């Protein structure tokens, strides 16, 4: 597979090869907001993509910081915000290198983890932990995308990489995070796979 770097994602967005994009806000984000589980606060959206969730959060009065590797993705996000006369801070960067001087109240993680090679997952989980204030919330959409060769022969296949619940529990351990009891909401995805919606609280 072609190296997965900023140029890889830039090309995907430039050619509109974004089959993971619902073309609308995630129904789970709407559910968390409407149930008042997620209320206006300072929130970061890593791997924001085309920006549907960024737009929705901005509409609801959140202070939103959105990050993506690809300039083309951020351009799509900026266009949505401009048409709605709304604002968010947009950052083009590698999430693994970012530091913030001010903690966030919440993180909405939808497609960044499953887009990163698994070798980077531990560093990424540590990064998310460092961005949140104590008792801050991580709203995590864990992509369930098992691949035949991965299951049967151990190949690492993606993106999207499979974010199985056992892996998620290892990355976001109970030593650092408060976990709710399962079952977790199963959210259908346009690519015929699904996500598990998990809310974690930083200890």
Protein backbone atom coordinates (compact mmCIF):
# COMPACT_ATOMS: atom_id res chain seq x y z
CA UNK A 1 0.00 0.00 0.00
CA UNK A 2 1.07 3.58 -0.69
CA UNK A 3 2.62 5.25 2.34
CA UNK A 4 -0.09 6.76 4.53
CA UNK A 5 1.06 10.31 5.05
CA UNK A 6 -0.36 13.80 4.53
CA UNK A 7 -0.07 13.45 0.75
CA UNK A 8 -2.09 10.20 0.86
CA UNK A 9 -5.02 11.90 2.63
CA UNK A 10 -4.72 15.05 0.55
CA UNK A 11 -5.17 12.99 -2.59
CA UNK A 12 -8.18 11.17 -1.16
CA UNK A 13 -9.94 14.45 -0.45
CA UNK A 14 -8.85 16.07 -3.69
CA UNK A 15 -10.34 13.20 -5.71
CA UNK A 16 -13.38 12.88 -3.40
CA UNK A 17 -12.41 9.29 -2.60
CA UNK A 18 -13.94 9.56 0.86
CA UNK A 19 -16.24 6.57 1.20
CA UNK A 20 -16.14 6.87 5.00
CA UNK A 21 -17.84 10.29 4.82
CA UNK A 22 -21.56 10.11 5.68
CA UNK A 23 -22.20 13.47 4.04
CA UNK A 24 -23.87 14.50 7.29
CA UNK A 25 -23.20 14.65 11.01
CA UNK A 26 -22.85 11.36 12.88
CA UNK A 27 -26.16 10.31 14.47
CA UNK A 28 -24.28 9.39 17.62
CA UNK A 29 -22.92 12.92 18.06
CA UNK A 30 -26.49 14.20 17.71
CA UNK A 31 -27.66 11.66 20.31
CA UNK A 32 -24.97 12.67 22.82
CA UNK A 33 -25.85 16.34 22.36
CA UNK A 34 -29.61 15.87 22.48
CA UNK A 35 -29.34 13.70 25.59
CA UNK A 36 -27.28 16.48 27.23
CA UNK A 37 -24.38 14.08 27.75
CA UNK A 38 -22.25 16.41 25.62
CA UNK A 39 -22.94 20.09 26.32
CA UNK A 40 -21.21 23.27 25.08
CA UNK A 41 -17.58 23.37 26.16
CA UNK A 42 -14.06 23.60 24.75
CA UNK A 43 -13.74 20.55 22.47
CA UNK A 44 -11.19 19.20 19.99
CA UNK A 45 -12.00 17.07 16.94
CA UNK A 46 -8.87 15.25 15.68
CA UNK A 47 -9.05 13.99 12.11
CA UNK A 48 -12.03 16.25 11.44
CA UNK A 49 -12.28 15.35 7.74
CA UNK A 50 -14.98 17.23 5.84
CA UNK A 51 -16.15 18.91 9.02
CA UNK A 52 -19.76 17.83 9.52
CA UNK A 53 -19.27 17.32 13.26
CA UNK A 54 -17.25 20.53 13.55
CA UNK A 55 -20.15 22.43 11.98
CA UNK A 56 -22.72 20.82 14.27
CA UNK A 57 -20.71 21.53 17.39
CA UNK A 58 -20.15 25.15 16.34
CA UNK A 59 -23.91 25.52 15.73
CA UNK A 60 -24.55 24.34 19.28
CA UNK A 61 -22.19 26.90 20.82
CA UNK A 62 -19.09 24.78 21.45
CA UNK A 63 -15.61 26.28 21.29
CA UNK A 64 -14.25 23.92 18.63
CA UNK A 65 -10.69 23.15 17.61
CA UNK A 66 -10.49 20.92 14.53
CA UNK A 67 -7.36 19.12 13.33
CA UNK A 68 -6.58 17.31 10.11
CA UNK A 69 -3.51 16.13 8.24
CA UNK A 70 -4.89 17.18 4.84
CA UNK A 71 -5.32 20.75 3.70
CA UNK A 72 -8.15 19.66 1.39
CA UNK A 73 -10.11 18.29 4.35
CA UNK A 74 -9.73 21.53 6.27
CA UNK A 75 -10.79 23.49 3.19
CA UNK A 76 -14.04 21.49 3.13
CA UNK A 77 -14.53 22.18 6.83
CA UNK A 78 -13.82 25.87 6.38
CA UNK A 79 -16.33 26.04 3.52
CA UNK A 80 -19.08 24.51 5.66
CA UNK A 81 -18.37 26.95 8.47
CA UNK A 82 -18.24 29.95 6.17
CA UNK A 83 -21.59 29.10 4.55
CA UNK A 84 -23.16 28.87 8.01
CA UNK A 85 -21.38 32.03 9.24
CA UNK A 86 -19.80 30.04 12.07
CA UNK A 87 -16.26 29.80 13.43
CA UNK A 88 -13.88 27.12 14.67
CA UNK A 89 -10.11 26.98 15.01
CA UNK A 90 -8.69 24.83 12.21
CA UNK A 91 -5.22 23.32 12.51
CA UNK A 92 -3.37 21.42 9.77
CA UNK A 93 -0.99 19.12 11.60
CA UNK A 94 0.04 15.60 12.53
CA UNK A 95 -1.94 14.86 15.70
CA UNK A 96 1.02 12.97 17.12
CA UNK A 97 3.11 16.13 17.28
CA UNK A 98 0.59 18.59 18.72
CA UNK A 99 0.74 20.08 22.19
CA UNK A 100 -1.81 22.47 23.67
CA UNK A 101 -1.24 24.98 26.46
CA UNK A 102 -4.93 24.92 27.48
CA UNK A 103 -6.69 21.68 28.36
CA UNK A 104 -9.88 20.63 26.60
CA UNK A 105 -13.12 19.75 28.35
CA UNK A 106 -13.91 17.09 25.75
CA UNK A 107 -12.56 15.24 22.71
CA UNK A 108 -14.70 13.89 19.89
CA UNK A 109 -12.71 11.06 18.27
CA UNK A 110 -14.48 9.59 15.26
CA UNK A 111 -12.14 8.54 12.48
CA UNK A 112 -8.62 9.55 13.48
CA UNK A 113 -7.67 6.43 15.45
CA UNK A 114 -8.79 4.01 12.74
CA UNK A 115 -6.87 6.04 10.12
CA UNK A 116 -3.58 5.86 12.01
CA UNK A 117 -1.32 2.83 11.64
CA UNK A 118 -1.64 0.71 14.81
CA UNK A 119 2.06 1.32 15.59
CA UNK A 120 1.01 4.91 16.44
CA UNK A 121 -2.01 4.04 18.59
CA UNK A 122 -0.29 4.05 21.98
CA UNK A 123 1.32 7.42 21.29
CA UNK A 124 -2.03 8.74 20.10
CA UNK A 125 -3.90 7.52 23.18
CA UNK A 126 -1.28 9.20 25.36
CA UNK A 127 -1.69 12.39 23.36
CA UNK A 128 -5.46 12.41 23.87
CA UNK A 129 -4.97 11.87 27.58
CA UNK A 130 -2.56 14.82 27.74
CA UNK A 131 -5.00 17.15 25.95
CA UNK A 132 -7.89 16.62 28.39
CA UNK A 133 -8.40 18.26 31.74
CA UNK A 134 -9.08 15.94 34.70
CA UNK A 135 -12.65 14.60 34.52
CA UNK A 136 -12.76 15.62 30.87
CA UNK A 137 -14.70 13.41 28.47
CA UNK A 138 -13.49 11.40 25.51
CA UNK A 139 -16.32 10.59 23.10
CA UNK A 140 -14.88 7.74 21.08
CA UNK A 141 -16.32 6.11 17.97
CA UNK A 142 -14.44 2.80 17.74
CA UNK A 143 -14.49 1.55 14.15
CA UNK A 144 -15.26 -2.17 13.92
CA UNK A 145 -13.56 -3.12 10.66
CA UNK A 146 -12.06 -6.62 10.96
CA UNK A 147 -10.31 -7.85 7.80
CA UNK A 148 -10.13 -11.50 6.75
CA UNK A 149 -6.34 -11.61 6.40
CA UNK A 150 -5.89 -9.81 9.69
CA UNK A 151 -8.08 -12.31 11.53
CA UNK A 152 -6.71 -15.44 9.87
CA UNK A 153 -3.07 -14.61 9.17
CA UNK A 154 -2.14 -11.60 11.29
CA UNK A 155 -1.76 -9.00 8.55
CA UNK A 156 -2.23 -5.34 9.48
CA UNK A 157 -4.82 -4.12 7.00
CA UNK A 158 -6.24 -0.63 6.64
CA UNK A 159 -7.22 2.11 6.77
CA UNK A 160 -9.64 1.83 8.31
CA UNK A 161 -7.85 -0.30 10.86
CA UNK A 162 -10.03 -2.40 13.12
CA UNK A 163 -10.49 -0.81 16.56
CA UNK A 164 -11.75 -3.86 18.43
CA UNK A 165 -13.01 -3.31 21.96
CA UNK A 166 -10.19 -5.33 23.59
CA UNK A 167 -7.63 -3.12 21.85
CA UNK A 168 -9.51 0.00 22.91
CA UNK A 169 -9.54 -1.16 26.52
CA UNK A 170 -5.78 -1.75 26.41
CA UNK A 171 -5.14 1.72 24.95
CA UNK A 172 -7.51 3.50 27.33
CA UNK A 173 -6.99 1.52 30.52
CA UNK A 174 -9.03 1.77 33.71
CA UNK A 175 -5.94 3.08 35.47
CA UNK A 176 -6.46 6.35 33.57
CA UNK A 177 -10.07 6.30 32.44
CA UNK A 178 -13.52 5.69 33.88
CA UNK A 179 -15.40 3.23 31.67
CA UNK A 180 -19.13 2.79 31.48
CA UNK A 181 -20.50 -0.72 31.49
CA UNK A 182 -21.43 -2.27 28.12
CA UNK A 183 -23.35 -2.66 25.94
CA UNK A 184 -22.18 0.31 23.88
CA UNK A 185 -24.32 1.80 21.14
CA UNK A 186 -23.73 0.24 17.74
CA UNK A 187 -23.72 2.91 15.03
CA UNK A 188 -24.15 1.94 11.38
CA UNK A 189 -21.53 3.21 8.96
CA UNK A 190 -21.91 3.82 5.18
CA UNK A 191 -19.07 1.44 4.38
CA UNK A 192 -21.15 -1.53 5.67
CA UNK A 193 -19.20 -1.79 8.91
CA UNK A 194 -20.09 -0.16 12.21
CA UNK A 195 -18.77 1.81 15.16
CA UNK A 196 -19.11 1.33 18.90
CA UNK A 197 -19.86 4.55 20.77
CA UNK A 198 -17.83 4.71 23.98
CA UNK A 199 -17.72 7.59 26.47
CA UNK A 200 -14.65 7.70 28.73
CA UNK A 201 -13.85 10.09 31.56
CA UNK A 202 -10.26 11.03 32.39
CA UNK A 203 -9.38 10.24 36.01
